[in-house]
Amino acid sequence: MTVITVIQIVPKNAISSWADELLAVDSLAFLASTVLSYWSIRHPEKLWKAEIFADRLFLLGMVLMVGESFLVAFDLFMD
């Protein structure tokens, strides 16, 4: 939520547009990771692969979040 607020404050340019789009993908990665983790807890005998995929989606979300923070910091402090 903080990233959304900061992105709205900075002047609109290509970097803030990329950050908005990455934030949407990041949110979907975290949502999918959460759903798969919950599903694998509820059905452990069937979906052990879902747990592995959930872990990978979570790590992807974390990497995207770090990338977004660098983009926003670069946009704020380089102008």
PDB file of N, CA and C in Angstrom:
ATOM      1  N   MET A   1       0.822  -1.191   0.000  1.00  0.00           N
ATOM      2  CA  MET A   1       0.000   0.000   0.000  1.00  0.00           C
ATOM      3  C   MET A   1       0.864   1.252   0.000  1.00  0.00           C
ATOM      4  N   THR A   2       1.998   1.183   0.660  1.00  0.00           N
ATOM      5  CA  THR A   2       2.895   2.335   0.688  1.00  0.00           C
ATOM      6  C   THR A   2       3.434   2.622  -0.700  1.00  0.00           C
ATOM      7  N   VAL A   3       3.736   1.575  -1.451  1.00  0.00           N
ATOM      8  CA  VAL A   3       4.267   1.759  -2.799  1.00  0.00           C
ATOM      9  C   VAL A   3       3.235   2.449  -3.680  1.00  0.00           C
ATOM     10  N   ILE A   4       1.974   2.073  -3.539  1.00  0.00           N
ATOM     11  CA  ILE A   4       0.914   2.724  -4.324  1.00  0.00           C
ATOM     12  C   ILE A   4       0.863   4.205  -4.013  1.00  0.00           C
ATOM     13  N   THR A   5       0.951   4.557  -2.752  1.00  0.00           N
ATOM     14  CA  THR A   5       0.913   5.959  -2.350  1.00  0.00           C
ATOM     15  C   THR A   5       2.113   6.721  -2.894  1.00  0.00           C
ATOM     16  N   VAL A   6       3.284   6.137  -2.783  1.00  0.00           N
ATOM     17  CA  VAL A   6       4.496   6.811  -3.261  1.00  0.00           C
ATOM     18  C   VAL A   6       4.460   6.964  -4.772  1.00  0.00           C
ATOM     19  N   ILE A   7       3.971   5.956  -5.475  1.00  0.00           N
ATOM     20  CA  ILE A   7       3.892   6.045  -6.933  1.00  0.00           C
ATOM     21  C   ILE A   7       2.943   7.158  -7.361  1.00  0.00           C
ATOM     22  N   GLN A   8       1.875   7.369  -6.592  1.00  0.00           N
ATOM     23  CA  GLN A   8       0.937   8.437  -6.927  1.00  0.00           C
ATOM     24  C   GLN A   8       1.529   9.822  -6.678  1.00  0.00           C
ATOM     25  N   ILE A   9       2.509   9.926  -5.794  1.00  0.00           N
ATOM     26  CA  ILE A   9       3.130  11.213  -5.470  1.00  0.00           C
ATOM     27  C   ILE A   9       4.137  11.623  -6.529  1.00  0.00           C
ATOM     28  N   VAL A  10       4.903  10.672  -7.036  1.00  0.00           N
ATOM     29  CA  VAL A  10       5.965  11.009  -7.987  1.00  0.00           C
ATOM     30  C   VAL A  10       5.360  11.432  -9.316  1.00  0.00           C
ATOM     31  N   PRO A  11       6.074  12.271 -10.062  1.00  0.00           N
ATOM     32  CA  PRO A  11       5.575  12.658 -11.388  1.00  0.00           C
ATOM     33  C   PRO A  11       5.464  11.437 -12.302  1.00  0.00           C
ATOM     34  N   LYS A  12       4.459  11.471 -13.151  1.00  0.00           N
ATOM     35  CA  LYS A  12       4.230  10.338 -14.058  1.00  0.00           C
ATOM     36  C   LYS A  12       5.298  10.308 -15.154  1.00  0.00           C
ATOM     37  N   ASN A  13       5.967   9.181 -15.256  1.00  0.00           N
ATOM     38  CA  ASN A  13       6.912   8.938 -16.346  1.00  0.00           C
ATOM     39  C   ASN A  13       6.984   7.439 -16.580  1.00  0.00           C
ATOM     40  N   ALA A  14       7.917   7.014 -17.362  1.00  0.00           N
ATOM     41  CA  ALA A  14       7.999   5.600 -17.740  1.00  0.00           C
ATOM     42  C   ALA A  14       8.276   4.697 -16.550  1.00  0.00           C
ATOM     43  N   ILE A  15       9.097   5.159 -15.608  1.00  0.00           N
ATOM     44  CA  ILE A  15       9.446   4.306 -14.464  1.00  0.00           C
ATOM     45  C   ILE A  15       8.238   4.093 -13.560  1.00  0.00           C
ATOM     46  N   SER A  16       7.467   5.129 -13.285  1.00  0.00           N
ATOM     47  CA  SER A  16       6.306   4.950 -12.422  1.00  0.00           C
ATOM     48  C   SER A  16       5.251   4.080 -13.097  1.00  0.00           C
ATOM     49  N   SER A  17       5.178   4.128 -14.426  1.00  0.00           N
ATOM     50  CA  SER A  17       4.260   3.258 -15.146  1.00  0.00           C
ATOM     51  C   SER A  17       4.684   1.797 -15.005  1.00  0.00           C
ATOM     52  N   TRP A  18       5.978   1.529 -15.135  1.00  0.00           N
ATOM     53  CA  TRP A  18       6.497   0.172 -14.942  1.00  0.00           C
ATOM     54  C   TRP A  18       6.253  -0.306 -13.518  1.00  0.00           C
ATOM     55  N   ALA A  19       6.425   0.586 -12.557  1.00  0.00           N
ATOM     56  CA  ALA A  19       6.224   0.198 -11.162  1.00  0.00           C
ATOM     57  C   ALA A  19       4.765  -0.168 -10.906  1.00  0.00           C
ATOM     58  N   ASP A  20       3.826   0.564 -11.507  1.00  0.00           N
ATOM     59  CA  ASP A  20       2.408   0.223 -11.365  1.00  0.00           C
ATOM     60  C   ASP A  20       2.121  -1.174 -11.909  1.00  0.00           C
ATOM     61  N   GLU A  21       2.661  -1.454 -13.080  1.00  0.00           N
ATOM     62  CA  GLU A  21       2.414  -2.757 -13.690  1.00  0.00           C
ATOM     63  C   GLU A  21       3.083  -3.884 -12.909  1.00  0.00           C
ATOM     64  N   LEU A  22       4.291  -3.655 -12.429  1.00  0.00           N
ATOM     65  CA  LEU A  22       4.962  -4.674 -11.620  1.00  0.00           C
ATOM     66  C   LEU A  22       4.233  -4.910 -10.304  1.00  0.00           C
ATOM     67  N   LEU A  23       3.654  -3.857  -9.749  1.00  0.00           N
ATOM     68  CA  LEU A  23       2.899  -4.002  -8.508  1.00  0.00           C
ATOM     69  C   LEU A  23       1.675  -4.892  -8.711  1.00  0.00           C
ATOM     70  N   ALA A  24       1.017  -4.757  -9.851  1.00  0.00           N
ATOM     71  CA  ALA A  24      -0.133  -5.611 -10.146  1.00  0.00           C
ATOM     72  C   ALA A  24       0.293  -7.076 -10.286  1.00  0.00           C
ATOM     73  N   VAL A  25       1.385  -7.320 -11.003  1.00  0.00           N
ATOM     74  CA  VAL A  25       1.888  -8.696 -11.166  1.00  0.00           C
ATOM     75  C   VAL A  25       2.340  -9.253  -9.813  1.00  0.00           C
ATOM     76  N   ASP A  26       2.985  -8.407  -9.030  1.00  0.00           N
ATOM     77  CA  ASP A  26       3.443  -8.812  -7.704  1.00  0.00           C
ATOM     78  C   ASP A  26       2.268  -9.219  -6.820  1.00  0.00           C
ATOM     79  N   SER A  27       1.215  -8.441  -6.846  1.00  0.00           N
ATOM     80  CA  SER A  27       0.027  -8.763  -6.045  1.00  0.00           C
ATOM     81  C   SER A  27      -0.581 -10.092  -6.473  1.00  0.00           C
ATOM     82  N   LEU A  28      -0.628 -10.328  -7.770  1.00  0.00           N
ATOM     83  CA  LEU A  28      -1.164 -11.605  -8.251  1.00  0.00           C
ATOM     84  C   LEU A  28      -0.273 -12.775  -7.848  1.00  0.00           C
ATOM     85  N   ALA A  29       1.036 -12.584  -7.858  1.00  0.00           N
ATOM     86  CA  ALA A  29       1.949 -13.657  -7.438  1.00  0.00           C
ATOM     87  C   ALA A  29       1.743 -13.993  -5.964  1.00  0.00           C
ATOM     88  N   PHE A  30       1.603 -12.971  -5.120  1.00  0.00           N
ATOM     89  CA  PHE A  30       1.366 -13.227  -3.702  1.00  0.00           C
ATOM     90  C   PHE A  30      -0.002 -13.866  -3.465  1.00  0.00           C
ATOM     91  N   LEU A  31      -1.018 -13.432  -4.199  1.00  0.00           N
ATOM     92  CA  LEU A  31      -2.344 -14.029  -4.058  1.00  0.00           C
ATOM     93  C   LEU A  31      -2.328 -15.494  -4.471  1.00  0.00           C
ATOM     94  N   ALA A  32      -1.716 -15.797  -5.606  1.00  0.00           N
ATOM     95  CA  ALA A  32      -1.642 -17.188  -6.063  1.00  0.00           C
ATOM     96  C   ALA A  32      -0.846 -18.041  -5.085  1.00  0.00           C
ATOM     97  N   SER A  33       0.229 -17.489  -4.548  1.00  0.00           N
ATOM     98  CA  SER A  33       1.024 -18.222  -3.569  1.00  0.00           C
ATOM     99  C   SER A  33       0.211 -18.529  -2.318  1.00  0.00           C
ATOM    100  N   THR A  34      -0.554 -17.572  -1.874  1.00  0.00           N
ATOM    101  CA  THR A  34      -1.383 -17.768  -0.680  1.00  0.00           C
ATOM    102  C   THR A  34      -2.450 -18.829  -0.913  1.00  0.00           C
ATOM    103  N   VAL A  35      -3.115 -18.755  -2.054  1.00  0.00           N
ATOM    104  CA  VAL A  35      -4.167 -19.737  -2.364  1.00  0.00           C
ATOM    105  C   VAL A  35      -3.569 -21.144  -2.482  1.00  0.00           C
ATOM    106  N   LEU A  36      -2.455 -21.276  -3.179  1.00  0.00           N
ATOM    107  CA  LEU A  36      -1.838 -22.598  -3.311  1.00  0.00           C
ATOM    108  C   LEU A  36      -1.328 -23.134  -1.972  1.00  0.00           C
ATOM    109  N   SER A  37      -0.795 -22.262  -1.134  1.00  0.00           N
ATOM    110  CA  SER A  37      -0.339 -22.705   0.189  1.00  0.00           C
ATOM    111  C   SER A  37      -1.510 -23.193   1.020  1.00  0.00           C
ATOM    112  N   TYR A  38      -2.596 -22.448   1.010  1.00  0.00           N
ATOM    113  CA  TYR A  38      -3.785 -22.853   1.755  1.00  0.00           C
ATOM    114  C   TYR A  38      -4.323 -24.177   1.218  1.00  0.00           C
ATOM    115  N   TRP A  39      -4.373 -24.300  -0.103  1.00  0.00           N
ATOM    116  CA  TRP A  39      -4.889 -25.521  -0.714  1.00  0.00           C
ATOM    117  C   TRP A  39      -4.016 -26.732  -0.368  1.00  0.00           C
ATOM    118  N   SER A  40      -2.704 -26.531  -0.358  1.00  0.00           N
ATOM    119  CA  SER A  40      -1.822 -27.658  -0.038  1.00  0.00           C
ATOM    120  C   SER A  40      -1.901 -28.045   1.440  1.00  0.00           C
ATOM    121  N   ILE A  41      -2.229 -27.096   2.315  1.00  0.00           N
ATOM    122  CA  ILE A  41      -2.430 -27.421   3.740  1.00  0.00           C
ATOM    123  C   ILE A  41      -3.714 -28.214   3.924  1.00  0.00           C
ATOM    124  N   ARG A  42      -4.754 -27.820   3.202  1.00  0.00           N
ATOM    125  CA  ARG A  42      -6.046 -28.498   3.347  1.00  0.00           C
ATOM    126  C   ARG A  42      -6.052 -29.894   2.717  1.00  0.00           C
ATOM    127  N   HIS A  43      -5.239 -30.110   1.689  1.00  0.00           N
ATOM    128  CA  HIS A  43      -5.200 -31.394   0.980  1.00  0.00           C
ATOM    129  C   HIS A  43      -3.748 -31.858   0.833  1.00  0.00           C
ATOM    130  N   PRO A  44      -3.108 -32.226   1.936  1.00  0.00           N
ATOM    131  CA  PRO A  44      -1.674 -32.557   1.859  1.00  0.00           C
ATOM    132  C   PRO A  44      -1.372 -33.837   1.085  1.00  0.00           C
ATOM    133  N   GLU A  45      -2.309 -34.750   1.031  1.00  0.00           N
ATOM    134  CA  GLU A  45      -2.035 -36.019   0.358  1.00  0.00           C
ATOM    135  C   GLU A  45      -2.070 -35.898  -1.161  1.00  0.00           C
ATOM    136  N   LYS A  46      -2.713 -34.872  -1.685  1.00  0.00           N
ATOM    137  CA  LYS A  46      -2.888 -34.752  -3.125  1.00  0.00           C
ATOM    138  C   LYS A  46      -1.963 -33.734  -3.774  1.00  0.00           C
ATOM    139  N   LEU A  47      -1.721 -32.632  -3.120  1.00  0.00           N
ATOM    140  CA  LEU A  47      -1.119 -31.495  -3.817  1.00  0.00           C
ATOM    141  C   LEU A  47       0.232 -31.085  -3.251  1.00  0.00           C
ATOM    142  N   TRP A  48       1.164 -31.996  -3.138  1.00  0.00           N
ATOM    143  CA  TRP A  48       2.484 -31.603  -2.650  1.00  0.00           C
ATOM    144  C   TRP A  48       3.205 -30.745  -3.673  1.00  0.00           C
ATOM    145  N   LYS A  49       2.873 -30.891  -4.952  1.00  0.00           N
ATOM    146  CA  LYS A  49       3.475 -30.028  -5.969  1.00  0.00           C
ATOM    147  C   LYS A  49       2.963 -28.596  -5.854  1.00  0.00           C
ATOM    148  N   ALA A  50       1.751 -28.422  -5.378  1.00  0.00           N
ATOM    149  CA  ALA A  50       1.198 -27.079  -5.200  1.00  0.00           C
ATOM    150  C   ALA A  50       2.004 -26.305  -4.165  1.00  0.00           C
ATOM    151  N   GLU A  51       2.480 -26.989  -3.148  1.00  0.00           N
ATOM    152  CA  GLU A  51       3.298 -26.335  -2.125  1.00  0.00           C
ATOM    153  C   GLU A  51       4.621 -25.833  -2.717  1.00  0.00           C
ATOM    154  N   ILE A  52       5.219 -26.626  -3.559  1.00  0.00           N
ATOM    155  CA  ILE A  52       6.475 -26.208  -4.208  1.00  0.00           C
ATOM    156  C   ILE A  52       6.219 -25.014  -5.125  1.00  0.00           C
ATOM    157  N   PHE A  53       5.144 -25.070  -5.889  1.00  0.00           N
ATOM    158  CA  PHE A  53       4.806 -23.962  -6.779  1.00  0.00           C
ATOM    159  C   PHE A  53       4.473 -22.706  -5.982  1.00  0.00           C
ATOM    160  N   ALA A  54       3.801 -22.865  -4.829  1.00  0.00           N
ATOM    161  CA  ALA A  54       3.492 -21.724  -3.965  1.00  0.00           C
ATOM    162  C   ALA A  54       4.769 -21.076  -3.438  1.00  0.00           C
ATOM    163  N   ASP A  55       5.746 -21.892  -3.069  1.00  0.00           N
ATOM    164  CA  ASP A  55       7.031 -21.355  -2.614  1.00  0.00           C
ATOM    165  C   ASP A  55       7.715 -20.556  -3.711  1.00  0.00           C
ATOM    166  N   ARG A  56       7.669 -21.077  -4.915  1.00  0.00           N
ATOM    167  CA  ARG A  56       8.308 -20.372  -6.034  1.00  0.00           C
ATOM    168  C   ARG A  56       7.592 -19.071  -6.368  1.00  0.00           C
ATOM    169  N   LEU A  57       6.272 -19.087  -6.311  1.00  0.00           N
ATOM    170  CA  LEU A  57       5.524 -17.850  -6.543  1.00  0.00           C
ATOM    171  C   LEU A  57       5.802 -16.818  -5.459  1.00  0.00           C
ATOM    172  N   PHE A  58       5.936 -17.272  -4.213  1.00  0.00           N
ATOM    173  CA  PHE A  58       6.248 -16.351  -3.129  1.00  0.00           C
ATOM    174  C   PHE A  58       7.616 -15.706  -3.349  1.00  0.00           C
ATOM    175  N   LEU A  59       8.603 -16.512  -3.728  1.00  0.00           N
ATOM    176  CA  LEU A  59       9.936 -15.964  -4.001  1.00  0.00           C
ATOM    177  C   LEU A  59       9.915 -15.010  -5.187  1.00  0.00           C
ATOM    178  N   LEU A  60       9.132 -15.325  -6.212  1.00  0.00           N
ATOM    179  CA  LEU A  60       8.983 -14.414  -7.342  1.00  0.00           C
ATOM    180  C   LEU A  60       8.376 -13.092  -6.894  1.00  0.00           C
ATOM    181  N   GLY A  61       7.369 -13.166  -6.035  1.00  0.00           N
ATOM    182  CA  GLY A  61       6.759 -11.947  -5.502  1.00  0.00           C
ATOM    183  C   GLY A  61       7.744 -11.119  -4.707  1.00  0.00           C
ATOM    184  N   MET A  62       8.588 -11.779  -3.929  1.00  0.00           N
ATOM    185  CA  MET A  62       9.596 -11.043  -3.160  1.00  0.00           C
ATOM    186  C   MET A  62      10.617 -10.368  -4.070  1.00  0.00           C
ATOM    187  N   VAL A  63      11.057 -11.069  -5.105  1.00  0.00           N
ATOM    188  CA  VAL A  63      12.019 -10.486  -6.048  1.00  0.00           C
ATOM    189  C   VAL A  63      11.395  -9.298  -6.769  1.00  0.00           C
ATOM    190  N   LEU A  64      10.140  -9.441  -7.179  1.00  0.00           N
ATOM    191  CA  LEU A  64       9.461  -8.317  -7.830  1.00  0.00           C
ATOM    192  C   LEU A  64       9.304  -7.128  -6.884  1.00  0.00           C
ATOM    193  N   MET A  65       9.026  -7.401  -5.621  1.00  0.00           N
ATOM    194  CA  MET A  65       8.867  -6.314  -4.665  1.00  0.00           C
ATOM    195  C   MET A  65      10.177  -5.560  -4.474  1.00  0.00           C
ATOM    196  N   VAL A  66      11.279  -6.259  -4.412  1.00  0.00           N
ATOM    197  CA  VAL A  66      12.583  -5.604  -4.296  1.00  0.00           C
ATOM    198  C   VAL A  66      12.869  -4.788  -5.555  1.00  0.00           C
ATOM    199  N   GLY A  67      12.562  -5.348  -6.711  1.00  0.00           N
ATOM    200  CA  GLY A  67      12.745  -4.614  -7.958  1.00  0.00           C
ATOM    201  C   GLY A  67      11.911  -3.353  -8.015  1.00  0.00           C
ATOM    202  N   GLU A  68      10.668  -3.443  -7.559  1.00  0.00           N
ATOM    203  CA  GLU A  68       9.798  -2.262  -7.516  1.00  0.00           C
ATOM    204  C   GLU A  68      10.359  -1.199  -6.580  1.00  0.00           C
ATOM    205  N   SER A  69      10.867  -1.622  -5.452  1.00  0.00           N
ATOM    206  CA  SER A  69      11.399  -0.636  -4.504  1.00  0.00           C
ATOM    207  C   SER A  69      12.613   0.075  -5.086  1.00  0.00           C
ATOM    208  N   PHE A  70      13.450  -0.650  -5.840  1.00  0.00           N
ATOM    209  CA  PHE A  70      14.582   0.008  -6.505  1.00  0.00           C
ATOM    210  C   PHE A  70      14.100   0.986  -7.571  1.00  0.00           C
ATOM    211  N   LEU A  71      13.071   0.600  -8.330  1.00  0.00           N
ATOM    212  CA  LEU A  71      12.533   1.503  -9.341  1.00  0.00           C
ATOM    213  C   LEU A  71      11.976   2.778  -8.719  1.00  0.00           C
ATOM    214  N   VAL A  72      11.222   2.620  -7.645  1.00  0.00           N
ATOM    215  CA  VAL A  72      10.630   3.791  -6.995  1.00  0.00           C
ATOM    216  C   VAL A  72      11.720   4.656  -6.370  1.00  0.00           C
ATOM    217  N   ALA A  73      12.691   4.036  -5.726  1.00  0.00           N
ATOM    218  CA  ALA A  73      13.783   4.817  -5.122  1.00  0.00           C
ATOM    219  C   ALA A  73      14.582   5.537  -6.203  1.00  0.00           C
ATOM    220  N   PHE A  74      14.852   4.865  -7.297  1.00  0.00           N
ATOM    221  CA  PHE A  74      15.572   5.495  -8.404  1.00  0.00           C
ATOM    222  C   PHE A  74      14.770   6.673  -8.943  1.00  0.00           C
ATOM    223  N   ASP A  75      13.473   6.492  -9.076  1.00  0.00           N
ATOM    224  CA  ASP A  75      12.617   7.554  -9.603  1.00  0.00           C
ATOM    225  C   ASP A  75      12.540   8.747  -8.653  1.00  0.00           C
ATOM    226  N   LEU A  76      12.524   8.488  -7.364  1.00  0.00           N
ATOM    227  CA  LEU A  76      12.411   9.578  -6.391  1.00  0.00           C
ATOM    228  C   LEU A  76      13.701  10.355  -6.219  1.00  0.00           C
ATOM    229  N   PHE A  77      14.818   9.658  -6.160  1.00  0.00           N
ATOM    230  CA  PHE A  77      16.069  10.311  -5.788  1.00  0.00           C
ATOM    231  C   PHE A  77      16.950  10.728  -6.964  1.00  0.00           C
ATOM    232  N   MET A  78      16.604  10.332  -8.169  1.00  0.00           N
ATOM    233  CA  MET A  78      17.427  10.709  -9.312  1.00  0.00           C
ATOM    234  C   MET A  78      16.897  11.934 -10.047  1.00  0.00           C
ATOM    235  N   ASP A  79      15.746  12.438  -9.661  1.00  0.00           N
ATOM    236  CA  ASP A  79      15.201  13.641 -10.315  1.00  0.00           C
ATOM    237  C   ASP A  79      15.699  14.894  -9.678  1.00  0.00           C
TER     238      ASP A  79
END
